[in-house]
N, C-alpha and C. Protein backbone atom coordinates (compact mmCIF):
# COMPACT_ATOMS: atom_id res chain seq x y z
N UNK A 1 -36.88 18.25 14.87
CA UNK A 1 -37.45 17.58 13.71
C UNK A 1 -38.68 18.32 13.18
N UNK A 2 -39.48 18.86 14.09
CA UNK A 2 -40.67 19.61 13.67
C UNK A 2 -40.24 20.85 12.88
N UNK A 3 -39.24 21.54 13.39
CA UNK A 3 -38.74 22.74 12.71
C UNK A 3 -38.28 22.38 11.29
N UNK A 4 -37.48 21.33 11.15
CA UNK A 4 -36.97 20.95 9.84
C UNK A 4 -38.08 20.49 8.90
N UNK A 5 -39.10 19.87 9.43
CA UNK A 5 -40.24 19.44 8.61
C UNK A 5 -40.90 20.65 7.95
N UNK A 6 -41.18 21.68 8.75
CA UNK A 6 -41.83 22.88 8.21
C UNK A 6 -40.88 23.71 7.36
N UNK A 7 -39.62 23.76 7.73
CA UNK A 7 -38.63 24.47 6.93
C UNK A 7 -38.58 23.87 5.53
N UNK A 8 -38.52 22.55 5.46
CA UNK A 8 -38.46 21.86 4.18
C UNK A 8 -39.75 22.09 3.39
N UNK A 9 -40.89 22.01 4.06
CA UNK A 9 -42.18 22.21 3.38
C UNK A 9 -42.31 23.61 2.80
N UNK A 10 -41.70 24.58 3.45
CA UNK A 10 -41.75 25.96 2.96
C UNK A 10 -40.68 26.27 1.92
N UNK A 11 -39.78 25.32 1.71
CA UNK A 11 -38.71 25.53 0.74
C UNK A 11 -37.61 26.43 1.23
N UNK A 12 -37.47 26.56 2.55
CA UNK A 12 -36.43 27.40 3.12
C UNK A 12 -35.10 26.67 3.11
N UNK A 13 -34.00 27.41 3.01
CA UNK A 13 -32.69 26.76 3.01
C UNK A 13 -32.40 26.12 4.37
N UNK A 14 -31.48 25.19 4.35
CA UNK A 14 -31.11 24.50 5.58
C UNK A 14 -30.51 25.50 6.57
N UNK A 15 -31.04 25.52 7.76
CA UNK A 15 -30.54 26.40 8.81
C UNK A 15 -30.97 25.83 10.15
N UNK A 16 -30.33 26.29 11.18
CA UNK A 16 -30.67 25.84 12.51
C UNK A 16 -31.62 26.82 13.19
N UNK A 17 -32.20 26.38 14.28
CA UNK A 17 -33.13 27.24 15.01
C UNK A 17 -32.39 28.47 15.55
N UNK A 18 -31.14 28.30 15.95
CA UNK A 18 -30.36 29.43 16.45
C UNK A 18 -30.15 30.47 15.36
N UNK A 19 -30.04 30.03 14.12
CA UNK A 19 -29.91 30.97 13.00
C UNK A 19 -31.13 31.88 12.90
N UNK A 20 -32.30 31.32 13.18
CA UNK A 20 -33.52 32.13 13.15
C UNK A 20 -33.53 33.15 14.28
N UNK A 21 -33.06 32.74 15.46
CA UNK A 21 -32.97 33.67 16.60
C UNK A 21 -32.02 34.82 16.26
N UNK A 22 -30.90 34.49 15.65
CA UNK A 22 -29.92 35.51 15.28
C UNK A 22 -30.53 36.46 14.24
N UNK A 23 -31.25 35.91 13.27
CA UNK A 23 -31.89 36.75 12.25
C UNK A 23 -32.92 37.68 12.89
N UNK A 24 -33.68 37.16 13.84
CA UNK A 24 -34.67 37.98 14.53
C UNK A 24 -33.98 39.10 15.31
N UNK A 25 -32.94 38.76 16.07
CA UNK A 25 -32.21 39.76 16.84
C UNK A 25 -31.62 40.83 15.95
N UNK A 26 -31.01 40.42 14.85
CA UNK A 26 -30.42 41.37 13.90
C UNK A 26 -31.49 42.29 13.32
N UNK A 27 -32.61 41.70 12.93
CA UNK A 27 -33.70 42.48 12.34
C UNK A 27 -34.24 43.50 13.34
N UNK A 28 -34.39 43.10 14.58
CA UNK A 28 -34.90 44.02 15.59
C UNK A 28 -33.93 45.19 15.80
N UNK A 29 -32.64 44.89 15.87
CA UNK A 29 -31.65 45.94 16.08
C UNK A 29 -31.62 46.89 14.89
N UNK A 30 -31.65 46.38 13.68
CA UNK A 30 -31.56 47.24 12.49
C UNK A 30 -32.80 48.10 12.28
N UNK A 31 -33.91 47.71 12.88
CA UNK A 31 -35.12 48.53 12.75
C UNK A 31 -35.28 49.51 13.90
N UNK A 32 -34.25 49.56 14.76
CA UNK A 32 -34.26 50.57 15.82
C UNK A 32 -34.85 50.13 17.14
N UNK A 33 -35.12 48.87 17.31
CA UNK A 33 -35.65 48.38 18.58
C UNK A 33 -34.57 48.51 19.65
N UNK A 34 -34.97 48.93 20.84
CA UNK A 34 -33.99 49.11 21.91
C UNK A 34 -33.35 47.78 22.29
N UNK A 35 -32.12 47.85 22.75
CA UNK A 35 -31.38 46.65 23.13
C UNK A 35 -32.10 45.93 24.28
N UNK A 36 -32.68 46.69 25.18
CA UNK A 36 -33.41 46.09 26.30
C UNK A 36 -34.59 45.26 25.79
N UNK A 37 -35.30 45.78 24.81
CA UNK A 37 -36.44 45.06 24.24
C UNK A 37 -35.97 43.81 23.50
N UNK A 38 -34.89 43.94 22.73
CA UNK A 38 -34.34 42.78 22.01
C UNK A 38 -33.96 41.70 23.02
N UNK A 39 -33.34 42.09 24.12
CA UNK A 39 -32.97 41.13 25.15
C UNK A 39 -34.19 40.41 25.71
N UNK A 40 -35.26 41.15 25.93
CA UNK A 40 -36.48 40.54 26.46
C UNK A 40 -37.10 39.57 25.46
N UNK A 41 -37.13 39.97 24.19
CA UNK A 41 -37.72 39.10 23.16
C UNK A 41 -36.93 37.80 23.03
N UNK A 42 -35.60 37.91 23.09
CA UNK A 42 -34.76 36.73 22.93
C UNK A 42 -34.58 35.94 24.22
N UNK A 43 -35.10 36.47 25.32
CA UNK A 43 -35.01 35.77 26.59
C UNK A 43 -33.65 35.86 27.26
N UNK A 44 -32.89 36.91 26.94
CA UNK A 44 -31.58 37.10 27.57
C UNK A 44 -31.75 37.77 28.93
N UNK A 45 -31.11 37.23 29.93
CA UNK A 45 -31.14 37.83 31.26
C UNK A 45 -30.08 38.92 31.39
N UNK A 46 -29.06 38.84 30.57
CA UNK A 46 -27.93 39.75 30.65
C UNK A 46 -27.78 40.46 29.29
N UNK A 47 -27.64 41.78 29.31
CA UNK A 47 -27.49 42.54 28.06
C UNK A 47 -26.22 42.18 27.31
N UNK A 48 -25.23 41.62 27.99
CA UNK A 48 -24.01 41.20 27.32
C UNK A 48 -24.32 40.16 26.24
N UNK A 49 -25.29 39.31 26.48
CA UNK A 49 -25.68 38.30 25.49
C UNK A 49 -26.31 38.93 24.26
N UNK A 50 -26.91 40.09 24.43
CA UNK A 50 -27.61 40.76 23.34
C UNK A 50 -26.66 41.62 22.50
N UNK A 51 -25.55 42.02 23.06
CA UNK A 51 -24.62 42.91 22.37
C UNK A 51 -24.11 42.33 21.05
N UNK A 52 -24.10 41.02 20.92
CA UNK A 52 -23.62 40.41 19.68
C UNK A 52 -24.47 40.82 18.48
N UNK A 53 -25.70 41.24 18.71
CA UNK A 53 -26.58 41.64 17.62
C UNK A 53 -26.36 43.09 17.22
N UNK A 54 -25.77 43.89 18.09
CA UNK A 54 -25.58 45.31 17.81
C UNK A 54 -24.55 45.52 16.71
N UNK A 55 -23.44 44.80 16.75
CA UNK A 55 -22.40 45.02 15.76
C UNK A 55 -22.78 44.50 14.38
N UNK A 56 -23.89 43.83 14.26
CA UNK A 56 -24.32 43.33 12.96
C UNK A 56 -25.06 44.39 12.15
N UNK A 57 -25.35 45.52 12.77
CA UNK A 57 -26.09 46.59 12.11
C UNK A 57 -25.13 47.45 11.29
N UNK A 58 -24.53 46.86 10.26
CA UNK A 58 -23.50 47.52 9.46
C UNK A 58 -24.04 48.78 8.78
N UNK A 59 -25.23 48.73 8.26
CA UNK A 59 -25.80 49.88 7.54
C UNK A 59 -25.83 51.12 8.44
N UNK A 60 -26.32 50.96 9.66
CA UNK A 60 -26.39 52.10 10.57
C UNK A 60 -25.02 52.48 11.11
N UNK A 61 -24.14 51.51 11.30
CA UNK A 61 -22.79 51.83 11.73
C UNK A 61 -22.05 52.67 10.69
N UNK A 62 -22.26 52.36 9.42
CA UNK A 62 -21.63 53.14 8.36
C UNK A 62 -22.14 54.58 8.35
N UNK A 63 -23.38 54.76 8.73
CA UNK A 63 -23.97 56.09 8.75
C UNK A 63 -23.41 56.99 9.83
N UNK A 64 -22.83 56.42 10.87
CA UNK A 64 -22.28 57.24 11.95
C UNK A 64 -20.77 57.33 11.90
N UNK A 65 -20.15 56.65 10.95
CA UNK A 65 -18.69 56.68 10.83
C UNK A 65 -18.20 58.01 10.29
N UNK A 66 -17.02 58.37 10.69
CA UNK A 66 -16.41 59.60 10.21
C UNK A 66 -15.58 59.32 8.97
N UNK A 67 -15.56 60.27 8.06
CA UNK A 67 -14.73 60.15 6.88
C UNK A 67 -13.26 60.34 7.23
N UNK A 68 -12.39 59.96 6.36
CA UNK A 68 -10.95 60.09 6.61
C UNK A 68 -10.36 61.34 5.98
N UNK A 69 -11.21 62.21 5.40
CA UNK A 69 -10.71 63.44 4.81
C UNK A 69 -9.99 64.25 5.88
N UNK A 70 -8.82 64.75 5.54
CA UNK A 70 -8.05 65.53 6.49
C UNK A 70 -7.10 64.69 7.32
N UNK A 71 -7.27 63.39 7.29
CA UNK A 71 -6.39 62.50 8.04
C UNK A 71 -5.37 61.80 7.14
N UNK A 72 -5.61 61.86 5.86
CA UNK A 72 -4.73 61.17 4.93
C UNK A 72 -3.47 62.00 4.69
N UNK A 73 -2.31 61.35 4.55
CA UNK A 73 -1.08 62.10 4.29
C UNK A 73 -1.16 62.77 2.92
N UNK A 74 -0.57 63.94 2.84
CA UNK A 74 -0.58 64.68 1.57
C UNK A 74 0.50 64.13 0.65
N UNK A 75 0.22 64.21 -0.62
CA UNK A 75 1.18 63.75 -1.64
C UNK A 75 2.32 64.75 -1.73
N UNK A 76 3.51 64.26 -2.09
CA UNK A 76 4.67 65.14 -2.31
C UNK A 76 4.37 66.11 -3.43
N UNK A 77 4.77 67.36 -3.25
CA UNK A 77 4.59 68.36 -4.31
C UNK A 77 3.21 68.97 -4.32
N UNK A 78 2.46 68.87 -3.24
CA UNK A 78 1.11 69.45 -3.24
C UNK A 78 1.10 70.90 -2.73
N UNK A 79 2.33 71.47 -2.52
CA UNK A 79 2.41 72.87 -2.15
C UNK A 79 2.54 73.12 -0.67
N UNK A 80 2.45 72.11 0.16
CA UNK A 80 2.56 72.30 1.60
C UNK A 80 3.99 72.07 2.11
N UNK A 81 4.88 71.66 1.25
CA UNK A 81 6.25 71.43 1.65
C UNK A 81 6.42 70.17 2.49
N UNK A 82 5.46 69.31 2.44
CA UNK A 82 5.54 68.05 3.22
C UNK A 82 6.09 66.95 2.35
């Protein structure tokens, strides 16, 4: 109730306390904080609990992805006889 009172007073959208924890974990991961530190901040005893925040870092995941150039099938008549 205390959380909702202040959330409402600040004009924040309806959300649960767990949503704030998830936002904090996501923010820490996306700014490069180590997984061990994120686990400590969130009070996780097991790193498996913290891994859920790693896959949310879409921006950085896109940066390490490989392009598909060279893997795509060639069109008929492109000179390779395929």
